[in-house]
């Protein structure tokens, strides 16, 4: 029996590992989203810092009405923790968010509005700005995203042009295709979007900057990509 999803609800899934310095800022910006119907699902991947304490203190202070914190008993990695959160999502729509970044207050609203107005499209990312943790005002625009028919063309030749933590997609996409592959360490985000495109899921990017990507020494991507 298929999962009964809640109409208009957006499930925001946040995989978290050792993000004590950033997770409250991330959650504060999600609290400020203007979209009226969201749930937040944080999957803590056996953090060894104070991430869980910070998350619990945040929820005690904010009392977000639909909030779930799942503490995994052992570290399963980014794809495992994110996919666990995807299984827990109740929403008609699912959004991804990294624990050390933050979103514009209108991000969720504008992405949902886009999908509602474009029923042929099932996944939408956004433009983003990158900034150094030491200087939040020094922001750099992305320069590698694509739009429209260029998106499937680029994935067909093995390129990447949609920023994974910016995506919001219909829950039916996950119900049909499942989550991230666990044996592609460092490229799980690319593989998930490429899998969607190759299975006929139509994907688009919004040109507007609605996501802010924090660059810092402990971020996961530095393990795989040199600057």
C-alpha atoms as a PDB file:
ATOM      1  CA  UNK A   1       0.000   0.000   0.000  1.00  0.00           C
ATOM      2  CA  UNK A   2       1.389   3.409  -0.991  1.00  0.00           C
ATOM      3  CA  UNK A   3       2.050   6.089   1.585  1.00  0.00           C
ATOM      4  CA  UNK A   4      -0.761   8.606   2.067  1.00  0.00           C
ATOM      5  CA  UNK A   5       0.948  11.969   1.812  1.00  0.00           C
ATOM      6  CA  UNK A   6      -0.372  15.157   3.421  1.00  0.00           C
ATOM      7  CA  UNK A   7      -1.578  17.657   0.828  1.00  0.00           C
ATOM      8  CA  UNK A   8       0.486  20.857   0.565  1.00  0.00           C
ATOM      9  CA  UNK A   9       2.813  19.844   3.416  1.00  0.00           C
ATOM     10  CA  UNK A  10       6.527  20.284   2.734  1.00  0.00           C
ATOM     11  CA  UNK A  11       8.827  17.884   4.597  1.00  0.00           C
ATOM     12  CA  UNK A  12      12.267  19.487   5.045  1.00  0.00           C
ATOM     13  CA  UNK A  13      14.884  16.791   5.614  1.00  0.00           C
ATOM     14  CA  UNK A  14      18.203  17.747   7.233  1.00  0.00           C
ATOM     15  CA  UNK A  15      21.016  15.186   7.611  1.00  0.00           C
ATOM     16  CA  UNK A  16      23.207  16.366  10.477  1.00  0.00           C
ATOM     17  CA  UNK A  17      26.695  15.298  11.524  1.00  0.00           C
ATOM     18  CA  UNK A  18      28.791  17.424  13.875  1.00  0.00           C
ATOM     19  CA  UNK A  19      27.070  20.690  12.969  1.00  0.00           C
ATOM     20  CA  UNK A  20      26.765  22.194  16.449  1.00  0.00           C
ATOM     21  CA  UNK A  21      28.130  25.552  15.280  1.00  0.00           C
ATOM     22  CA  UNK A  22      25.585  25.960  12.491  1.00  0.00           C
ATOM     23  CA  UNK A  23      22.444  23.898  13.079  1.00  0.00           C
ATOM     24  CA  UNK A  24      20.568  26.520  15.120  1.00  0.00           C
ATOM     25  CA  UNK A  25      21.121  29.163  12.427  1.00  0.00           C
ATOM     26  CA  UNK A  26      19.887  26.672   9.837  1.00  0.00           C
ATOM     27  CA  UNK A  27      16.753  25.920  11.864  1.00  0.00           C
ATOM     28  CA  UNK A  28      16.089  29.584  12.655  1.00  0.00           C
ATOM     29  CA  UNK A  29      15.908  30.370   8.941  1.00  0.00           C
ATOM     30  CA  UNK A  30      13.550  27.444   8.373  1.00  0.00           C
ATOM     31  CA  UNK A  31      11.389  28.695  11.232  1.00  0.00           C
ATOM     32  CA  UNK A  32      11.151  32.006   9.343  1.00  0.00           C
ATOM     33  CA  UNK A  33       9.884  30.453   6.102  1.00  0.00           C
ATOM     34  CA  UNK A  34       6.718  32.190   4.945  1.00  0.00           C
ATOM     35  CA  UNK A  35       5.233  28.966   3.572  1.00  0.00           C
ATOM     36  CA  UNK A  36       2.556  27.972   6.098  1.00  0.00           C
ATOM     37  CA  UNK A  37       2.745  24.158   6.096  1.00  0.00           C
ATOM     38  CA  UNK A  38       6.099  22.523   6.791  1.00  0.00           C
ATOM     39  CA  UNK A  39       7.589  19.772   8.901  1.00  0.00           C
ATOM     40  CA  UNK A  40      11.255  19.606   9.846  1.00  0.00           C
ATOM     41  CA  UNK A  41      12.995  16.235  10.072  1.00  0.00           C
ATOM     42  CA  UNK A  42      16.550  16.267  11.434  1.00  0.00           C
ATOM     43  CA  UNK A  43      18.452  12.999  11.229  1.00  0.00           C
ATOM     44  CA  UNK A  44      21.508  13.140  13.466  1.00  0.00           C
ATOM     45  CA  UNK A  45      24.121  10.729  12.123  1.00  0.00           C
ATOM     46  CA  UNK A  46      25.669   9.803  15.497  1.00  0.00           C
ATOM     47  CA  UNK A  47      27.330  13.194  15.965  1.00  0.00           C
ATOM     48  CA  UNK A  48      30.251  13.302  18.368  1.00  0.00           C
ATOM     49  CA  UNK A  49      29.826  16.986  19.215  1.00  0.00           C
ATOM     50  CA  UNK A  50      26.921  18.830  20.848  1.00  0.00           C
ATOM     51  CA  UNK A  51      24.660  18.892  17.784  1.00  0.00           C
ATOM     52  CA  UNK A  52      21.850  16.969  19.477  1.00  0.00           C
ATOM     53  CA  UNK A  53      21.889  19.241  22.536  1.00  0.00           C
ATOM     54  CA  UNK A  54      21.717  22.319  20.302  1.00  0.00           C
ATOM     55  CA  UNK A  55      18.815  20.860  18.316  1.00  0.00           C
ATOM     56  CA  UNK A  56      16.884  19.942  21.450  1.00  0.00           C
ATOM     57  CA  UNK A  57      17.459  23.373  22.968  1.00  0.00           C
ATOM     58  CA  UNK A  58      16.283  24.988  19.740  1.00  0.00           C
ATOM     59  CA  UNK A  59      13.055  22.992  19.713  1.00  0.00           C
ATOM     60  CA  UNK A  60      12.444  23.711  23.398  1.00  0.00           C
ATOM     61  CA  UNK A  61      12.762  27.417  22.596  1.00  0.00           C
ATOM     62  CA  UNK A  62      10.902  27.519  19.288  1.00  0.00           C
ATOM     63  CA  UNK A  63       8.349  24.705  19.771  1.00  0.00           C
ATOM     64  CA  UNK A  64       8.038  24.116  16.060  1.00  0.00           C
ATOM     65  CA  UNK A  65       4.702  22.294  15.606  1.00  0.00           C
ATOM     66  CA  UNK A  66       5.884  19.543  13.239  1.00  0.00           C
ATOM     67  CA  UNK A  67       9.393  18.639  14.305  1.00  0.00           C
ATOM     68  CA  UNK A  68      11.212  15.316  14.419  1.00  0.00           C
ATOM     69  CA  UNK A  69      14.736  14.616  15.654  1.00  0.00           C
ATOM     70  CA  UNK A  70      15.973  11.106  14.947  1.00  0.00           C
ATOM     71  CA  UNK A  71      19.262  10.076  16.545  1.00  0.00           C
ATOM     72  CA  UNK A  72      20.884   7.221  14.653  1.00  0.00           C
ATOM     73  CA  UNK A  73      22.671   4.694  16.892  1.00  0.00           C
ATOM     74  CA  UNK A  74      25.723   4.623  14.635  1.00  0.00           C
ATOM     75  CA  UNK A  75      27.144   6.688  11.835  1.00  0.00           C
ATOM     76  CA  UNK A  76      25.730   5.583   8.473  1.00  0.00           C
ATOM     77  CA  UNK A  77      27.014   8.415   6.291  1.00  0.00           C
ATOM     78  CA  UNK A  78      25.354  11.201   4.354  1.00  0.00           C
ATOM     79  CA  UNK A  79      23.293   9.095   1.954  1.00  0.00           C
ATOM     80  CA  UNK A  80      22.116   6.729   4.695  1.00  0.00           C
ATOM     81  CA  UNK A  81      21.031   9.484   7.056  1.00  0.00           C
ATOM     82  CA  UNK A  82      19.342  11.520   4.332  1.00  0.00           C
ATOM     83  CA  UNK A  83      17.459   8.540   2.929  1.00  0.00           C
ATOM     84  CA  UNK A  84      16.309   7.646   6.444  1.00  0.00           C
ATOM     85  CA  UNK A  85      14.804  11.121   6.684  1.00  0.00           C
ATOM     86  CA  UNK A  86      13.166  10.749   3.279  1.00  0.00           C
ATOM     87  CA  UNK A  87      11.399   7.619   4.497  1.00  0.00           C
ATOM     88  CA  UNK A  88      10.026   9.626   7.425  1.00  0.00           C
ATOM     89  CA  UNK A  89       8.659  12.449   5.285  1.00  0.00           C
ATOM     90  CA  UNK A  90       4.870  12.868   5.297  1.00  0.00           C
ATOM     91  CA  UNK A  91       4.616  15.742   2.840  1.00  0.00           C
ATOM     92  CA  UNK A  92       3.250  16.066  -0.650  1.00  0.00           C
ATOM     93  CA  UNK A  93       6.579  17.803  -1.253  1.00  0.00           C
ATOM     94  CA  UNK A  94      10.063  17.098   0.116  1.00  0.00           C
ATOM     95  CA  UNK A  95      12.882  19.632   0.438  1.00  0.00           C
ATOM     96  CA  UNK A  96      16.544  18.899   1.150  1.00  0.00           C
ATOM     97  CA  UNK A  97      18.651  21.131   3.379  1.00  0.00           C
ATOM     98  CA  UNK A  98      22.229  20.892   4.632  1.00  0.00           C
ATOM     99  CA  UNK A  99      22.734  21.451   8.361  1.00  0.00           C
ATOM    100  CA  UNK A 100      25.358  24.185   7.925  1.00  0.00           C
ATOM    101  CA  UNK A 101      23.558  26.342   5.352  1.00  0.00           C
ATOM    102  CA  UNK A 102      20.498  28.568   5.397  1.00  0.00           C
ATOM    103  CA  UNK A 103      17.575  29.408   3.108  1.00  0.00           C
ATOM    104  CA  UNK A 104      15.845  32.603   2.074  1.00  0.00           C
ATOM    105  CA  UNK A 105      12.484  33.043   3.873  1.00  0.00           C
ATOM    106  CA  UNK A 106      10.631  32.665   0.569  1.00  0.00           C
ATOM    107  CA  UNK A 107      12.537  29.620  -0.676  1.00  0.00           C
ATOM    108  CA  UNK A 108       9.929  26.947   0.096  1.00  0.00           C
ATOM    109  CA  UNK A 109       7.004  29.143  -0.937  1.00  0.00           C
ATOM    110  CA  UNK A 110       8.484  29.973  -4.339  1.00  0.00           C
ATOM    111  CA  UNK A 111       9.488  26.385  -5.100  1.00  0.00           C
ATOM    112  CA  UNK A 112       6.044  25.018  -4.198  1.00  0.00           C
ATOM    113  CA  UNK A 113       4.375  27.750  -6.231  1.00  0.00           C
ATOM    114  CA  UNK A 114       6.549  26.842  -9.205  1.00  0.00           C
ATOM    115  CA  UNK A 115       5.624  23.146  -9.037  1.00  0.00           C
ATOM    116  CA  UNK A 116       1.949  23.966  -8.610  1.00  0.00           C
ATOM    117  CA  UNK A 117       2.100  26.139 -11.736  1.00  0.00           C
ATOM    118  CA  UNK A 118       4.134  23.587 -13.702  1.00  0.00           C
ATOM    119  CA  UNK A 119       2.551  20.159 -13.143  1.00  0.00           C
ATOM    120  CA  UNK A 120       4.809  18.582 -15.769  1.00  0.00           C
ATOM    121  CA  UNK A 121       7.867  19.304 -13.587  1.00  0.00           C
ATOM    122  CA  UNK A 122       8.513  17.273 -10.428  1.00  0.00           C
ATOM    123  CA  UNK A 123      11.768  18.685  -9.038  1.00  0.00           C
ATOM    124  CA  UNK A 124      13.031  22.242  -8.747  1.00  0.00           C
ATOM    125  CA  UNK A 125      16.315  23.632  -7.470  1.00  0.00           C
ATOM    126  CA  UNK A 126      17.326  27.245  -6.971  1.00  0.00           C
ATOM    127  CA  UNK A 127      20.250  29.520  -7.543  1.00  0.00           C
ATOM    128  CA  UNK A 128      22.464  30.075  -4.507  1.00  0.00           C
ATOM    129  CA  UNK A 129      25.213  32.192  -3.034  1.00  0.00           C
ATOM    130  CA  UNK A 130      28.319  30.759  -1.377  1.00  0.00           C
ATOM    131  CA  UNK A 131      29.948  32.549   1.529  1.00  0.00           C
ATOM    132  CA  UNK A 132      32.883  32.040   3.839  1.00  0.00           C
ATOM    133  CA  UNK A 133      31.907  31.338   7.435  1.00  0.00           C
ATOM    134  CA  UNK A 134      34.291  34.088   8.519  1.00  0.00           C
ATOM    135  CA  UNK A 135      32.573  36.710   6.330  1.00  0.00           C
ATOM    136  CA  UNK A 136      28.861  36.199   5.718  1.00  0.00           C
ATOM    137  CA  UNK A 137      28.635  39.438   3.725  1.00  0.00           C
ATOM    138  CA  UNK A 138      31.197  38.287   1.158  1.00  0.00           C
ATOM    139  CA  UNK A 139      28.980  36.169  -1.089  1.00  0.00           C
ATOM    140  CA  UNK A 140      29.819  34.507  -4.400  1.00  0.00           C
ATOM    141  CA  UNK A 141      27.121  33.592  -6.945  1.00  0.00           C
ATOM    142  CA  UNK A 142      27.043  30.136  -8.479  1.00  0.00           C
ATOM    143  CA  UNK A 143      28.276  29.810 -12.046  1.00  0.00           C
ATOM    144  CA  UNK A 144      27.631  26.172 -12.974  1.00  0.00           C
ATOM    145  CA  UNK A 145      23.844  25.732 -12.877  1.00  0.00           C
ATOM    146  CA  UNK A 146      21.730  25.190 -15.986  1.00  0.00           C
ATOM    147  CA  UNK A 147      18.106  25.803 -16.888  1.00  0.00           C
ATOM    148  CA  UNK A 148      15.390  24.340 -19.066  1.00  0.00           C
ATOM    149  CA  UNK A 149      16.347  21.757 -21.682  1.00  0.00           C
ATOM    150  CA  UNK A 150      20.039  22.216 -20.905  1.00  0.00           C
ATOM    151  CA  UNK A 151      19.523  20.253 -17.668  1.00  0.00           C
ATOM    152  CA  UNK A 152      18.763  16.797 -19.161  1.00  0.00           C
ATOM    153  CA  UNK A 153      21.349  17.389 -21.870  1.00  0.00           C
ATOM    154  CA  UNK A 154      24.088  17.967 -19.312  1.00  0.00           C
ATOM    155  CA  UNK A 155      23.162  14.966 -17.168  1.00  0.00           C
ATOM    156  CA  UNK A 156      23.078  12.811 -20.312  1.00  0.00           C
ATOM    157  CA  UNK A 157      26.806  13.493 -20.782  1.00  0.00           C
ATOM    158  CA  UNK A 158      27.681  13.003 -17.125  1.00  0.00           C
ATOM    159  CA  UNK A 159      27.718  16.635 -16.036  1.00  0.00           C
ATOM    160  CA  UNK A 160      26.048  18.163 -12.962  1.00  0.00           C
ATOM    161  CA  UNK A 161      23.970  21.366 -12.993  1.00  0.00           C
ATOM    162  CA  UNK A 162      21.472  21.274 -10.092  1.00  0.00           C
ATOM    163  CA  UNK A 163      22.563  22.070  -6.533  1.00  0.00           C
ATOM    164  CA  UNK A 164      21.387  19.154  -4.379  1.00  0.00           C
ATOM    165  CA  UNK A 165      20.660  20.978  -1.075  1.00  0.00           C
ATOM    166  CA  UNK A 166      18.441  23.452  -2.937  1.00  0.00           C
ATOM    167  CA  UNK A 167      16.030  20.903  -4.398  1.00  0.00           C
ATOM    168  CA  UNK A 168      12.359  20.512  -3.578  1.00  0.00           C
ATOM    169  CA  UNK A 169      10.470  17.671  -5.253  1.00  0.00           C
ATOM    170  CA  UNK A 170       7.168  15.883  -5.242  1.00  0.00           C
ATOM    171  CA  UNK A 171       6.978  13.086  -2.690  1.00  0.00           C
ATOM    172  CA  UNK A 172       5.899  10.794  -5.511  1.00  0.00           C
ATOM    173  CA  UNK A 173       9.458  11.002  -6.884  1.00  0.00           C
ATOM    174  CA  UNK A 174      10.839   9.319  -3.772  1.00  0.00           C
ATOM    175  CA  UNK A 175       7.945   6.843  -3.684  1.00  0.00           C
ATOM    176  CA  UNK A 176       8.827   5.799  -7.228  1.00  0.00           C
ATOM    177  CA  UNK A 177      12.631   5.908  -7.277  1.00  0.00           C
ATOM    178  CA  UNK A 178      13.778   5.705  -3.654  1.00  0.00           C
ATOM    179  CA  UNK A 179      16.617   7.660  -2.119  1.00  0.00           C
ATOM    180  CA  UNK A 180      20.354   8.003  -2.510  1.00  0.00           C
ATOM    181  CA  UNK A 181      22.778   5.220  -3.375  1.00  0.00           C
ATOM    182  CA  UNK A 182      25.142   4.450  -0.509  1.00  0.00           C
ATOM    183  CA  UNK A 183      28.094   3.054  -2.490  1.00  0.00           C
ATOM    184  CA  UNK A 184      29.008   6.245  -4.368  1.00  0.00           C
ATOM    185  CA  UNK A 185      30.828   8.071  -1.605  1.00  0.00           C
ATOM    186  CA  UNK A 186      31.052  11.766  -2.363  1.00  0.00           C
ATOM    187  CA  UNK A 187      28.805  11.742  -5.444  1.00  0.00           C
ATOM    188  CA  UNK A 188      25.507  10.601  -3.953  1.00  0.00           C
ATOM    189  CA  UNK A 189      23.878  13.977  -4.580  1.00  0.00           C
ATOM    190  CA  UNK A 190      24.835  13.895  -8.269  1.00  0.00           C
ATOM    191  CA  UNK A 191      23.686  10.300  -8.618  1.00  0.00           C
ATOM    192  CA  UNK A 192      20.264  11.010  -7.109  1.00  0.00           C
ATOM    193  CA  UNK A 193      19.480  13.873  -9.481  1.00  0.00           C
ATOM    194  CA  UNK A 194      20.950  12.015 -12.467  1.00  0.00           C
ATOM    195  CA  UNK A 195      18.779   9.001 -11.577  1.00  0.00           C
ATOM    196  CA  UNK A 196      15.705  11.214 -11.527  1.00  0.00           C
ATOM    197  CA  UNK A 197      16.529  12.772 -14.896  1.00  0.00           C
ATOM    198  CA  UNK A 198      17.294   9.410 -16.530  1.00  0.00           C
ATOM    199  CA  UNK A 199      13.932   8.079 -15.333  1.00  0.00           C
ATOM    200  CA  UNK A 200      11.991  10.851 -16.989  1.00  0.00           C
ATOM    201  CA  UNK A 201      11.595  13.184 -14.013  1.00  0.00           C
ATOM    202  CA  UNK A 202      11.539  16.745 -15.320  1.00  0.00           C
ATOM    203  CA  UNK A 203      13.807  19.075 -13.367  1.00  0.00           C
ATOM    204  CA  UNK A 204      14.183  22.845 -13.395  1.00  0.00           C
ATOM    205  CA  UNK A 205      16.201  25.496 -11.551  1.00  0.00           C
ATOM    206  CA  UNK A 206      14.877  28.846 -10.371  1.00  0.00           C
ATOM    207  CA  UNK A 207      17.206  31.668 -11.358  1.00  0.00           C
ATOM    208  CA  UNK A 208      16.513  33.537  -8.131  1.00  0.00           C
ATOM    209  CA  UNK A 209      18.973  33.121  -5.252  1.00  0.00           C
ATOM    210  CA  UNK A 210      17.069  31.360  -2.464  1.00  0.00           C
ATOM    211  CA  UNK A 211      19.802  29.342  -0.749  1.00  0.00           C
ATOM    212  CA  UNK A 212      23.066  30.267   0.989  1.00  0.00           C
ATOM    213  CA  UNK A 213      25.919  27.785   1.046  1.00  0.00           C
ATOM    214  CA  UNK A 214      28.366  28.128   3.914  1.00  0.00           C
ATOM    215  CA  UNK A 215      32.037  27.366   3.247  1.00  0.00           C
ATOM    216  CA  UNK A 216      34.001  26.307   6.322  1.00  0.00           C
ATOM    217  CA  UNK A 217      36.925  23.998   7.173  1.00  0.00           C
ATOM    218  CA  UNK A 218      34.784  21.132   8.509  1.00  0.00           C
ATOM    219  CA  UNK A 219      32.259  20.883   5.700  1.00  0.00           C
ATOM    220  CA  UNK A 220      31.730  17.476   4.148  1.00  0.00           C
ATOM    221  CA  UNK A 221      32.433  18.502   0.556  1.00  0.00           C
ATOM    222  CA  UNK A 222      36.065  19.364   1.339  1.00  0.00           C
ATOM    223  CA  UNK A 223      36.682  15.675   1.899  1.00  0.00           C
ATOM    224  CA  UNK A 224      36.033  15.025  -1.780  1.00  0.00           C
ATOM    225  CA  UNK A 225      36.694  18.247  -3.689  1.00  0.00           C
ATOM    226  CA  UNK A 226      39.736  20.473  -3.556  1.00  0.00           C
ATOM    227  CA  UNK A 227      39.336  24.214  -3.847  1.00  0.00           C
END
